[in-house]
Amino acid sequence: MKIYRILYGVLGVIFLTGTIITGNSGLSAENKAIYEVALNLQEDVNRIGFPNFDLEDYKVRFFDGRADYVVSGGTIEKDDAVFTTFVGTTYEVDGEYQIILPTVENFSAMFDLLGNAGSLAEGSMNFTQSQYGPEEHISTLWHETLHAYQMSCYYSELTGLLGKSVGEGNIEGIVVSSIDGNQNVVELYKKQMELLHKAFEARELTEKKAIVADYLKLEQQRRGLLSEEACAVEDYYEAIEGTACYMESRVYGFQKGLDALKEAYMGQTGYEKGSAKYYTSGMMKCYLLDELAPGWQSDYDFSISLNEMLMAL
């Protein structure tokens, strides 16, 4: 697979620029390379602007199908697996949020299980098996690191977006039944996504603002067809997953360039059932905020929706 060919080249870079992790040798060099390169991107990530957001603050558990290899700073230890997973996730372990990521050797099993519509980051996959390599895995790692940051620092703010209108049931089910099942809502959402892409491509700030205003008018119309509960779920997914997808795509762009970023993340124009669509819409809103409200990340505490951020412009 492509991933193995590229990773050996990556390892050479690590020996020149990185701090080599030490400890249990059961974790392969390929996975150590993934972590080291991710760590070396910290300075680039700092420029995105989320305050006190540091990969080294969170343990990363590489699951090899049997055990977890826990990387923390410059050390690595073997531990019992928290659970079996073929996707990246963030989970509370021993009182702290940790990142759980399958090893690169588990890729074939993951794609066989989930197919190209599956996800390394809990729901949204922009790549096929042949396209997925170390850069994509590193981007997924940073996606999950943002989740660890969100859960550690802004848990009450994020859950507050759901409000009292949403119980502890299956919020994904609310999307499927109340949103995906309403054809009028679906058609309006499609039109809105076209506007978000148009705004992203617009060169002049005044044009971008005008398109965003048109988007928000449609948003008000579409949400008039939804329950308070469904609107709260949308706000939550965009805030938690949209920002994580934004982080993932930014890291991908650091590694592969803007053109590759656009091709991988900005080409989704069809309607996605389930929560995956909010990864994309939330991400697009983050990019628009970059241009219309530079530095928005510095005081964003996840307590308000991305829509509210855009409406405040």
C-alpha atoms as a PDB file:
ATOM      1  CA  MET A   1       0.000   0.000   0.000  1.00  0.00           C
ATOM      2  CA  LYS A   2       1.002   3.616  -0.581  1.00  0.00           C
ATOM      3  CA  ILE A   3       1.184   4.248   3.155  1.00  0.00           C
ATOM      4  CA  TYR A   4       4.194   1.994   3.678  1.00  0.00           C
ATOM      5  CA  ARG A   5       6.195   3.427   0.775  1.00  0.00           C
ATOM      6  CA  ILE A   6       5.751   6.975   2.021  1.00  0.00           C
ATOM      7  CA  LEU A   7       6.290   6.274   5.706  1.00  0.00           C
ATOM      8  CA  TYR A   8       9.844   5.053   5.276  1.00  0.00           C
ATOM      9  CA  GLY A   9      10.677   8.415   3.690  1.00  0.00           C
ATOM     10  CA  VAL A  10       8.918  10.162   6.549  1.00  0.00           C
ATOM     11  CA  LEU A  11      11.071   8.309   9.045  1.00  0.00           C
ATOM     12  CA  GLY A  12      14.186   9.880   7.568  1.00  0.00           C
ATOM     13  CA  VAL A  13      12.742  13.334   8.195  1.00  0.00           C
ATOM     14  CA  ILE A  14      11.923  12.413  11.785  1.00  0.00           C
ATOM     15  CA  PHE A  15      15.505  11.476  12.600  1.00  0.00           C
ATOM     16  CA  LEU A  16      16.531  14.938  11.455  1.00  0.00           C
ATOM     17  CA  THR A  17      13.777  17.008  13.062  1.00  0.00           C
ATOM     18  CA  GLY A  18      11.877  15.068  15.684  1.00  0.00           C
ATOM     19  CA  THR A  19      12.196  13.755  19.191  1.00  0.00           C
ATOM     20  CA  ILE A  20      12.231   9.980  18.855  1.00  0.00           C
ATOM     21  CA  ILE A  21       9.738   8.290  21.158  1.00  0.00           C
ATOM     22  CA  THR A  22      11.139   5.514  23.289  1.00  0.00           C
ATOM     23  CA  GLY A  23       9.754   2.596  25.234  1.00  0.00           C
ATOM     24  CA  ASN A  24       7.856  -0.540  24.256  1.00  0.00           C
ATOM     25  CA  SER A  25       9.083  -1.732  20.857  1.00  0.00           C
ATOM     26  CA  GLY A  26       5.813  -3.486  20.028  1.00  0.00           C
ATOM     27  CA  LEU A  27       4.522  -0.436  18.189  1.00  0.00           C
ATOM     28  CA  SER A  28       5.824  -0.399  14.628  1.00  0.00           C
ATOM     29  CA  ALA A  29       8.078   2.274  13.169  1.00  0.00           C
ATOM     30  CA  GLU A  30       5.261   3.336  10.833  1.00  0.00           C
ATOM     31  CA  ASN A  31       2.993   4.277  13.732  1.00  0.00           C
ATOM     32  CA  LYS A  32       5.805   5.992  15.598  1.00  0.00           C
ATOM     33  CA  ALA A  33       6.388   8.020  12.441  1.00  0.00           C
ATOM     34  CA  ILE A  34       2.737   9.043  12.354  1.00  0.00           C
ATOM     35  CA  TYR A  35       2.980  10.423  15.879  1.00  0.00           C
ATOM     36  CA  GLU A  36       6.329  12.138  15.389  1.00  0.00           C
ATOM     37  CA  VAL A  37       5.291  13.969  12.251  1.00  0.00           C
ATOM     38  CA  ALA A  38       2.014  15.006  13.910  1.00  0.00           C
ATOM     39  CA  LEU A  39       4.024  16.367  16.820  1.00  0.00           C
ATOM     40  CA  ASN A  40       6.298  18.317  14.486  1.00  0.00           C
ATOM     41  CA  LEU A  41       3.244  20.105  13.068  1.00  0.00           C
ATOM     42  CA  GLN A  42       2.464  21.730  16.431  1.00  0.00           C
ATOM     43  CA  GLU A  43       3.915  25.104  15.430  1.00  0.00           C
ATOM     44  CA  ASP A  44       1.726  25.184  12.318  1.00  0.00           C
ATOM     45  CA  VAL A  45      -1.317  24.197  14.381  1.00  0.00           C
ATOM     46  CA  ASN A  46      -0.569  26.952  16.889  1.00  0.00           C
ATOM     47  CA  ARG A  47      -1.038  29.495  14.106  1.00  0.00           C
ATOM     48  CA  ILE A  48      -4.636  28.307  13.614  1.00  0.00           C
ATOM     49  CA  GLY A  49      -5.355  30.008  16.904  1.00  0.00           C
ATOM     50  CA  PHE A  50      -7.140  27.722  19.375  1.00  0.00           C
ATOM     51  CA  PRO A  51      -5.598  28.713  22.740  1.00  0.00           C
ATOM     52  CA  ASN A  52      -3.601  26.188  24.753  1.00  0.00           C
ATOM     53  CA  PHE A  53      -4.189  23.451  22.176  1.00  0.00           C
ATOM     54  CA  ASP A  54      -1.243  21.064  22.306  1.00  0.00           C
ATOM     55  CA  LEU A  55      -0.977  17.455  21.135  1.00  0.00           C
ATOM     56  CA  GLU A  56       1.432  16.599  23.938  1.00  0.00           C
ATOM     57  CA  ASP A  57      -1.289  17.359  26.496  1.00  0.00           C
ATOM     58  CA  TYR A  58      -3.156  14.201  25.464  1.00  0.00           C
ATOM     59  CA  LYS A  59      -2.189  10.548  25.416  1.00  0.00           C
ATOM     60  CA  VAL A  60      -2.560   8.741  22.103  1.00  0.00           C
ATOM     61  CA  ARG A  61      -3.484   5.053  22.181  1.00  0.00           C
ATOM     62  CA  PHE A  62      -2.580   3.138  19.014  1.00  0.00           C
ATOM     63  CA  PHE A  63      -4.778   0.021  18.897  1.00  0.00           C
ATOM     64  CA  ASP A  64      -3.189  -2.895  17.014  1.00  0.00           C
ATOM     65  CA  GLY A  65      -6.126  -5.304  17.225  1.00  0.00           C
ATOM     66  CA  ARG A  66      -5.071  -6.761  20.554  1.00  0.00           C
ATOM     67  CA  ALA A  67      -3.547  -4.053  22.753  1.00  0.00           C
ATOM     68  CA  ASP A  68      -3.121  -0.303  22.990  1.00  0.00           C
ATOM     69  CA  TYR A  69       0.287   1.327  22.688  1.00  0.00           C
ATOM     70  CA  VAL A  70       0.019   4.529  24.680  1.00  0.00           C
ATOM     71  CA  VAL A  71       2.198   7.381  23.459  1.00  0.00           C
ATOM     72  CA  SER A  72       2.697  10.286  25.818  1.00  0.00           C
ATOM     73  CA  GLY A  73       5.295  12.858  24.888  1.00  0.00           C
ATOM     74  CA  GLY A  74       8.532  10.971  24.400  1.00  0.00           C
ATOM     75  CA  THR A  75       7.478   7.635  25.924  1.00  0.00           C
ATOM     76  CA  ILE A  76       5.389   4.679  24.835  1.00  0.00           C
ATOM     77  CA  GLU A  77       3.852   1.914  26.944  1.00  0.00           C
ATOM     78  CA  LYS A  78       1.787  -1.159  26.133  1.00  0.00           C
ATOM     79  CA  ASP A  79      -1.616  -1.324  27.842  1.00  0.00           C
ATOM     80  CA  ASP A  80      -4.817  -3.342  27.703  1.00  0.00           C
ATOM     81  CA  ALA A  81      -7.061  -2.214  24.867  1.00  0.00           C
ATOM     82  CA  VAL A  82      -9.817   0.154  25.985  1.00  0.00           C
ATOM     83  CA  PHE A  83     -12.063  -1.335  23.302  1.00  0.00           C
ATOM     84  CA  THR A  84     -11.909  -2.696  19.771  1.00  0.00           C
ATOM     85  CA  THR A  85     -12.066   0.071  17.181  1.00  0.00           C
ATOM     86  CA  PHE A  86     -11.371   0.573  13.507  1.00  0.00           C
ATOM     87  CA  VAL A  87     -11.949   4.323  13.688  1.00  0.00           C
ATOM     88  CA  GLY A  88     -10.351   7.235  15.459  1.00  0.00           C
ATOM     89  CA  THR A  89     -12.136   8.394  18.572  1.00  0.00           C
ATOM     90  CA  THR A  90     -11.678  10.249  21.850  1.00  0.00           C
ATOM     91  CA  TYR A  91     -12.565   8.503  25.087  1.00  0.00           C
ATOM     92  CA  GLU A  92     -12.242   9.151  28.804  1.00  0.00           C
ATOM     93  CA  VAL A  93      -9.676   6.786  30.337  1.00  0.00           C
ATOM     94  CA  ASP A  94      -8.628   6.996  33.983  1.00  0.00           C
ATOM     95  CA  GLY A  95     -10.216  10.409  34.380  1.00  0.00           C
ATOM     96  CA  GLU A  96      -8.703  12.043  31.286  1.00  0.00           C
ATOM     97  CA  TYR A  97      -9.652  12.210  27.632  1.00  0.00           C
ATOM     98  CA  GLN A  98      -7.331  10.185  25.447  1.00  0.00           C
ATOM     99  CA  ILE A  99      -7.112   9.661  21.686  1.00  0.00           C
ATOM    100  CA  ILE A 100      -7.636   6.152  20.334  1.00  0.00           C
ATOM    101  CA  LEU A 101      -6.419   5.466  16.811  1.00  0.00           C
ATOM    102  CA  PRO A 102      -6.073   2.174  14.927  1.00  0.00           C
ATOM    103  CA  THR A 103      -2.570   1.326  13.779  1.00  0.00           C
ATOM    104  CA  VAL A 104      -1.791   1.661  10.094  1.00  0.00           C
ATOM    105  CA  GLU A 105      -1.600  -2.135   9.895  1.00  0.00           C
ATOM    106  CA  ASN A 106      -5.330  -2.280  10.635  1.00  0.00           C
ATOM    107  CA  PHE A 107      -6.250  -0.243   7.580  1.00  0.00           C
ATOM    108  CA  SER A 108      -7.281  -3.147   5.385  1.00  0.00           C
ATOM    109  CA  ALA A 109      -9.519  -4.528   8.101  1.00  0.00           C
ATOM    110  CA  MET A 110     -11.125  -1.128   8.595  1.00  0.00           C
ATOM    111  CA  PHE A 111     -11.849  -0.584   4.915  1.00  0.00           C
ATOM    112  CA  ASP A 112     -13.106  -4.144   4.519  1.00  0.00           C
ATOM    113  CA  LEU A 113     -15.482  -3.556   7.409  1.00  0.00           C
ATOM    114  CA  LEU A 114     -16.722  -0.064   6.569  1.00  0.00           C
ATOM    115  CA  GLY A 115     -15.918   0.369   2.894  1.00  0.00           C
ATOM    116  CA  ASN A 116     -14.959   3.712   1.399  1.00  0.00           C
ATOM    117  CA  ALA A 117     -17.938   5.359   3.112  1.00  0.00           C
ATOM    118  CA  GLY A 118     -16.448   4.533   6.498  1.00  0.00           C
ATOM    119  CA  SER A 119     -14.472   6.858   8.695  1.00  0.00           C
ATOM    120  CA  LEU A 120     -11.228   7.097  10.560  1.00  0.00           C
ATOM    121  CA  ALA A 121     -12.707  10.028  12.456  1.00  0.00           C
ATOM    122  CA  GLU A 122     -16.104   8.836  13.643  1.00  0.00           C
ATOM    123  CA  GLY A 123     -18.209   9.396  10.580  1.00  0.00           C
ATOM    124  CA  SER A 124     -16.665  11.331   7.719  1.00  0.00           C
ATOM    125  CA  MET A 125     -14.270   9.830   5.205  1.00  0.00           C
ATOM    126  CA  ASN A 126     -12.915  11.833   2.295  1.00  0.00           C
ATOM    127  CA  PHE A 127     -10.557   9.191   0.936  1.00  0.00           C
ATOM    128  CA  THR A 128     -10.603   5.714  -0.561  1.00  0.00           C
ATOM    129  CA  GLN A 129      -8.268   2.977   0.619  1.00  0.00           C
ATOM    130  CA  SER A 130      -5.794   3.604  -2.199  1.00  0.00           C
ATOM    131  CA  GLN A 131      -5.712   7.336  -1.432  1.00  0.00           C
ATOM    132  CA  TYR A 132      -5.284   7.021   2.332  1.00  0.00           C
ATOM    133  CA  GLY A 133      -1.696   7.401   3.541  1.00  0.00           C
ATOM    134  CA  PRO A 134       0.337   8.850   6.412  1.00  0.00           C
ATOM    135  CA  GLU A 135      -0.724  12.436   5.784  1.00  0.00           C
ATOM    136  CA  GLU A 136      -4.360  11.426   6.085  1.00  0.00           C
ATOM    137  CA  HIS A 137      -3.708   9.455   9.269  1.00  0.00           C
ATOM    138  CA  ILE A 138      -1.840  12.403  10.778  1.00  0.00           C
ATOM    139  CA  SER A 139      -4.759  14.660   9.902  1.00  0.00           C
ATOM    140  CA  THR A 140      -7.138  12.211  11.564  1.00  0.00           C
ATOM    141  CA  LEU A 141      -4.954  12.252  14.670  1.00  0.00           C
ATOM    142  CA  TRP A 142      -5.269  16.035  14.878  1.00  0.00           C
ATOM    143  CA  HIS A 143      -9.046  15.770  14.326  1.00  0.00           C
ATOM    144  CA  GLU A 144      -9.272  13.566  17.401  1.00  0.00           C
ATOM    145  CA  THR A 145      -6.860  15.763  19.339  1.00  0.00           C
ATOM    146  CA  LEU A 146      -9.289  18.649  18.919  1.00  0.00           C
ATOM    147  CA  HIS A 147     -12.024  16.411  20.331  1.00  0.00           C
ATOM    148  CA  ALA A 148      -9.839  15.650  23.355  1.00  0.00           C
ATOM    149  CA  TYR A 149      -9.335  19.405  23.765  1.00  0.00           C
ATOM    150  CA  GLN A 150     -13.066  20.083  23.439  1.00  0.00           C
ATOM    151  CA  MET A 151     -14.026  17.408  25.945  1.00  0.00           C
ATOM    152  CA  SER A 152     -11.312  18.393  28.417  1.00  0.00           C
ATOM    153  CA  CYS A 153     -11.830  22.157  28.312  1.00  0.00           C
ATOM    154  CA  TYR A 154     -15.327  22.854  26.967  1.00  0.00           C
ATOM    155  CA  TYR A 155     -17.504  19.867  27.796  1.00  0.00           C
ATOM    156  CA  SER A 156     -20.263  21.820  29.544  1.00  0.00           C
ATOM    157  CA  GLU A 157     -20.324  24.460  26.806  1.00  0.00           C
ATOM    158  CA  LEU A 158     -20.725  21.866  24.061  1.00  0.00           C
ATOM    159  CA  THR A 159     -23.398  19.874  25.834  1.00  0.00           C
ATOM    160  CA  GLY A 160     -25.115  23.181  26.593  1.00  0.00           C
ATOM    161  CA  LEU A 161     -25.710  23.585  22.858  1.00  0.00           C
ATOM    162  CA  LEU A 162     -28.017  20.578  23.030  1.00  0.00           C
ATOM    163  CA  GLY A 163     -29.954  22.272  25.809  1.00  0.00           C
ATOM    164  CA  LYS A 164     -32.854  20.780  27.701  1.00  0.00           C
ATOM    165  CA  SER A 165     -34.746  20.019  24.490  1.00  0.00           C
ATOM    166  CA  VAL A 166     -32.539  17.010  23.720  1.00  0.00           C
ATOM    167  CA  GLY A 167     -32.508  14.049  26.056  1.00  0.00           C
ATOM    168  CA  GLU A 168     -29.890  11.364  26.416  1.00  0.00           C
ATOM    169  CA  GLY A 169     -31.264   9.340  23.512  1.00  0.00           C
ATOM    170  CA  ASN A 170     -29.771   8.768  20.112  1.00  0.00           C
ATOM    171  CA  ILE A 171     -29.090  12.222  18.650  1.00  0.00           C
ATOM    172  CA  GLU A 172     -28.045  10.619  15.367  1.00  0.00           C
ATOM    173  CA  GLY A 173     -31.556   9.215  15.206  1.00  0.00           C
ATOM    174  CA  ILE A 174     -32.971  12.735  15.434  1.00  0.00           C
ATOM    175  CA  VAL A 175     -31.006  13.677  12.319  1.00  0.00           C
ATOM    176  CA  VAL A 176     -32.223  10.642  10.391  1.00  0.00           C
ATOM    177  CA  SER A 177     -35.876  10.890  11.366  1.00  0.00           C
ATOM    178  CA  SER A 178     -36.530  14.634  11.716  1.00  0.00           C
ATOM    179  CA  ILE A 179     -34.093  16.080   9.170  1.00  0.00           C
ATOM    180  CA  ASP A 180     -33.203  13.467   6.553  1.00  0.00           C
ATOM    181  CA  GLY A 181     -36.808  12.322   6.495  1.00  0.00           C
ATOM    182  CA  ASN A 182     -38.163  15.773   5.600  1.00  0.00           C
ATOM    183  CA  GLN A 183     -37.742  16.335   1.850  1.00  0.00           C
ATOM    184  CA  ASN A 184     -38.384  20.082   2.070  1.00  0.00           C
ATOM    185  CA  VAL A 185     -35.613  20.373   4.656  1.00  0.00           C
ATOM    186  CA  VAL A 186     -33.277  18.290   2.489  1.00  0.00           C
ATOM    187  CA  GLU A 187     -33.831  20.450  -0.603  1.00  0.00           C
ATOM    188  CA  LEU A 188     -33.197  23.662   1.300  1.00  0.00           C
ATOM    189  CA  TYR A 189     -30.036  22.189   2.831  1.00  0.00           C
ATOM    190  CA  LYS A 190     -28.726  21.353  -0.649  1.00  0.00           C
ATOM    191  CA  LYS A 191     -29.247  24.951  -1.752  1.00  0.00           C
ATOM    192  CA  GLN A 192     -27.476  26.169   1.368  1.00  0.00           C
ATOM    193  CA  MET A 193     -24.439  23.982   0.745  1.00  0.00           C
ATOM    194  CA  GLU A 194     -24.189  25.416  -2.757  1.00  0.00           C
ATOM    195  CA  LEU A 195     -24.120  28.869  -1.180  1.00  0.00           C
ATOM    196  CA  LEU A 196     -21.410  27.892   1.311  1.00  0.00           C
ATOM    197  CA  HIS A 197     -19.200  26.621  -1.500  1.00  0.00           C
ATOM    198  CA  LYS A 198     -19.930  29.753  -3.539  1.00  0.00           C
ATOM    199  CA  ALA A 199     -19.002  31.954  -0.586  1.00  0.00           C
ATOM    200  CA  PHE A 200     -15.784  30.006  -0.055  1.00  0.00           C
ATOM    201  CA  GLU A 201     -14.758  30.509  -3.685  1.00  0.00           C
ATOM    202  CA  ALA A 202     -15.696  34.214  -3.790  1.00  0.00           C
ATOM    203  CA  ARG A 203     -12.662  36.487  -3.831  1.00  0.00           C
ATOM    204  CA  GLU A 204     -14.091  39.724  -2.446  1.00  0.00           C
ATOM    205  CA  LEU A 205     -15.086  39.973   1.210  1.00  0.00           C
ATOM    206  CA  THR A 206     -18.185  41.998   0.363  1.00  0.00           C
ATOM    207  CA  GLU A 207     -19.323  39.229  -1.986  1.00  0.00           C
ATOM    208  CA  LYS A 208     -18.655  36.596   0.650  1.00  0.00           C
ATOM    209  CA  LYS A 209     -20.717  38.515   3.207  1.00  0.00           C
ATOM    210  CA  ALA A 210     -23.595  38.888   0.774  1.00  0.00           C
ATOM    211  CA  ILE A 211     -23.631  35.160   0.007  1.00  0.00           C
ATOM    212  CA  VAL A 212     -23.440  34.301   3.707  1.00  0.00           C
ATOM    213  CA  ALA A 213     -26.431  36.613   4.295  1.00  0.00           C
ATOM    214  CA  ASP A 214     -28.365  34.671   1.632  1.00  0.00           C
ATOM    215  CA  TYR A 215     -27.324  31.439   3.333  1.00  0.00           C
ATOM    216  CA  LEU A 216     -28.600  32.645   6.706  1.00  0.00           C
ATOM    217  CA  LYS A 217     -31.961  33.646   5.197  1.00  0.00           C
ATOM    218  CA  LEU A 218     -32.390  30.111   3.887  1.00  0.00           C
ATOM    219  CA  GLU A 219     -31.232  28.762   7.229  1.00  0.00           C
ATOM    220  CA  GLN A 220     -33.993  30.657   8.990  1.00  0.00           C
ATOM    221  CA  GLN A 221     -36.522  29.317   6.493  1.00  0.00           C
ATOM    222  CA  ARG A 222     -35.269  25.736   6.783  1.00  0.00           C
ATOM    223  CA  ARG A 223     -35.136  25.779  10.563  1.00  0.00           C
ATOM    224  CA  GLY A 224     -38.703  26.972  10.636  1.00  0.00           C
ATOM    225  CA  LEU A 225     -39.554  23.477   9.412  1.00  0.00           C
ATOM    226  CA  LEU A 226     -37.621  21.804  12.223  1.00  0.00           C
ATOM    227  CA  SER A 227     -38.226  21.223  15.896  1.00  0.00           C
ATOM    228  CA  GLU A 228     -36.184  22.968  18.567  1.00  0.00           C
ATOM    229  CA  GLU A 229     -34.657  19.593  19.305  1.00  0.00           C
ATOM    230  CA  ALA A 230     -33.482  19.053  15.724  1.00  0.00           C
ATOM    231  CA  CYS A 231     -32.006  22.570  15.518  1.00  0.00           C
ATOM    232  CA  ALA A 232     -30.053  21.984  18.725  1.00  0.00           C
ATOM    233  CA  VAL A 233     -28.605  18.744  17.355  1.00  0.00           C
ATOM    234  CA  GLU A 234     -27.468  20.529  14.194  1.00  0.00           C
ATOM    235  CA  ASP A 235     -25.775  23.267  16.234  1.00  0.00           C
ATOM    236  CA  TYR A 236     -24.019  20.655  18.359  1.00  0.00           C
ATOM    237  CA  TYR A 237     -22.727  18.590  15.451  1.00  0.00           C
ATOM    238  CA  GLU A 238     -21.416  21.619  13.578  1.00  0.00           C
ATOM    239  CA  ALA A 239     -19.665  22.974  16.658  1.00  0.00           C
ATOM    240  CA  ILE A 240     -18.048  19.731  17.718  1.00  0.00           C
ATOM    241  CA  GLU A 241     -17.488  17.919  14.422  1.00  0.00           C
ATOM    242  CA  GLY A 242     -17.346  20.848  12.018  1.00  0.00           C
ATOM    243  CA  THR A 243     -14.452  22.401  13.921  1.00  0.00           C
ATOM    244  CA  ALA A 244     -12.693  19.023  14.179  1.00  0.00           C
ATOM    245  CA  CYS A 245     -13.042  18.477  10.429  1.00  0.00           C
ATOM    246  CA  TYR A 246     -11.731  22.006   9.928  1.00  0.00           C
ATOM    247  CA  MET A 247      -8.689  21.147  12.051  1.00  0.00           C
ATOM    248  CA  GLU A 248      -8.201  17.892  10.133  1.00  0.00           C
ATOM    249  CA  SER A 249      -8.345  19.661   6.783  1.00  0.00           C
ATOM    250  CA  ARG A 250      -5.991  22.447   7.898  1.00  0.00           C
ATOM    251  CA  VAL A 251      -3.419  19.879   8.967  1.00  0.00           C
ATOM    252  CA  TYR A 252      -3.897  18.071   5.667  1.00  0.00           C
ATOM    253  CA  GLY A 253      -3.252  21.354   3.880  1.00  0.00           C
ATOM    254  CA  PHE A 254      -0.055  21.940   5.876  1.00  0.00           C
ATOM    255  CA  GLN A 255       1.234  18.640   4.542  1.00  0.00           C
ATOM    256  CA  LYS A 256      -0.155  18.479   1.013  1.00  0.00           C
ATOM    257  CA  GLY A 257      -0.936  22.062   0.016  1.00  0.00           C
ATOM    258  CA  LEU A 258      -4.076  24.102  -0.652  1.00  0.00           C
ATOM    259  CA  ASP A 259      -4.985  22.440  -3.944  1.00  0.00           C
ATOM    260  CA  ALA A 260      -4.942  18.980  -2.348  1.00  0.00           C
ATOM    261  CA  LEU A 261      -6.984  20.311   0.570  1.00  0.00           C
ATOM    262  CA  LYS A 262      -9.663  21.662  -1.757  1.00  0.00           C
ATOM    263  CA  GLU A 263      -9.792  18.451  -3.757  1.00  0.00           C
ATOM    264  CA  ALA A 264     -10.142  16.266  -0.667  1.00  0.00           C
ATOM    265  CA  TYR A 265     -12.452  18.383   1.489  1.00  0.00           C
ATOM    266  CA  MET A 266     -14.270  20.961  -0.646  1.00  0.00           C
ATOM    267  CA  GLY A 267     -15.650  18.751  -3.372  1.00  0.00           C
ATOM    268  CA  GLN A 268     -18.603  17.335  -1.441  1.00  0.00           C
ATOM    269  CA  THR A 269     -21.738  18.843  -2.961  1.00  0.00           C
ATOM    270  CA  GLY A 270     -24.253  16.015  -2.591  1.00  0.00           C
ATOM    271  CA  TYR A 271     -26.521  15.454   0.379  1.00  0.00           C
ATOM    272  CA  GLU A 272     -25.110  13.202   3.085  1.00  0.00           C
ATOM    273  CA  LYS A 273     -27.549  11.361   5.312  1.00  0.00           C
ATOM    274  CA  GLY A 274     -26.861  11.251   9.022  1.00  0.00           C
ATOM    275  CA  SER A 275     -24.517  13.541  10.930  1.00  0.00           C
ATOM    276  CA  ALA A 276     -21.677  13.410   8.368  1.00  0.00           C
ATOM    277  CA  LYS A 277     -23.096  16.429   6.516  1.00  0.00           C
ATOM    278  CA  TYR A 278     -22.435  18.629   9.547  1.00  0.00           C
ATOM    279  CA  TYR A 279     -18.734  17.808   9.438  1.00  0.00           C
ATOM    280  CA  THR A 280     -18.713  19.485   6.030  1.00  0.00           C
ATOM    281  CA  SER A 281     -21.060  22.417   6.671  1.00  0.00           C
ATOM    282  CA  GLY A 282     -19.375  23.217   9.991  1.00  0.00           C
ATOM    283  CA  MET A 283     -15.937  23.035   8.384  1.00  0.00           C
ATOM    284  CA  MET A 284     -17.013  25.391   5.594  1.00  0.00           C
ATOM    285  CA  LYS A 285     -18.307  27.889   8.145  1.00  0.00           C
ATOM    286  CA  CYS A 286     -14.960  27.804   9.952  1.00  0.00           C
ATOM    287  CA  TYR A 287     -13.167  28.691   6.719  1.00  0.00           C
ATOM    288  CA  LEU A 288     -15.573  31.554   6.099  1.00  0.00           C
ATOM    289  CA  LEU A 289     -14.989  32.822   9.637  1.00  0.00           C
ATOM    290  CA  ASP A 290     -11.243  32.758   8.915  1.00  0.00           C
ATOM    291  CA  GLU A 291     -11.807  35.384   6.246  1.00  0.00           C
ATOM    292  CA  LEU A 292     -14.708  37.340   7.708  1.00  0.00           C
ATOM    293  CA  ALA A 293     -13.644  37.295  11.374  1.00  0.00           C
ATOM    294  CA  PRO A 294      -9.888  36.577  11.498  1.00  0.00           C
ATOM    295  CA  GLY A 295      -8.772  35.281  14.873  1.00  0.00           C
ATOM    296  CA  TRP A 296     -12.207  33.957  15.812  1.00  0.00           C
ATOM    297  CA  GLN A 297     -10.585  30.872  17.347  1.00  0.00           C
ATOM    298  CA  SER A 298      -8.836  32.858  20.069  1.00  0.00           C
ATOM    299  CA  ASP A 299     -11.952  33.301  22.199  1.00  0.00           C
ATOM    300  CA  TYR A 300     -14.294  30.663  20.803  1.00  0.00           C
ATOM    301  CA  ASP A 301     -15.461  28.524  23.714  1.00  0.00           C
ATOM    302  CA  PHE A 302     -17.937  26.268  21.837  1.00  0.00           C
ATOM    303  CA  SER A 303     -20.863  27.714  23.787  1.00  0.00           C
ATOM    304  CA  ILE A 304     -22.521  29.269  20.726  1.00  0.00           C
ATOM    305  CA  SER A 305     -23.245  27.837  17.308  1.00  0.00           C
ATOM    306  CA  LEU A 306     -21.241  28.603  14.196  1.00  0.00           C
ATOM    307  CA  ASN A 307     -24.427  30.112  12.754  1.00  0.00           C
ATOM    308  CA  GLU A 308     -24.489  32.603  15.620  1.00  0.00           C
ATOM    309  CA  MET A 309     -20.865  33.464  14.865  1.00  0.00           C
ATOM    310  CA  LEU A 310     -21.777  34.213  11.256  1.00  0.00           C
ATOM    311  CA  MET A 311     -24.904  36.162  12.203  1.00  0.00           C
ATOM    312  CA  ALA A 312     -22.810  38.398  14.470  1.00  0.00           C
ATOM    313  CA  LEU A 313     -20.649  39.598  11.583  1.00  0.00           C
END
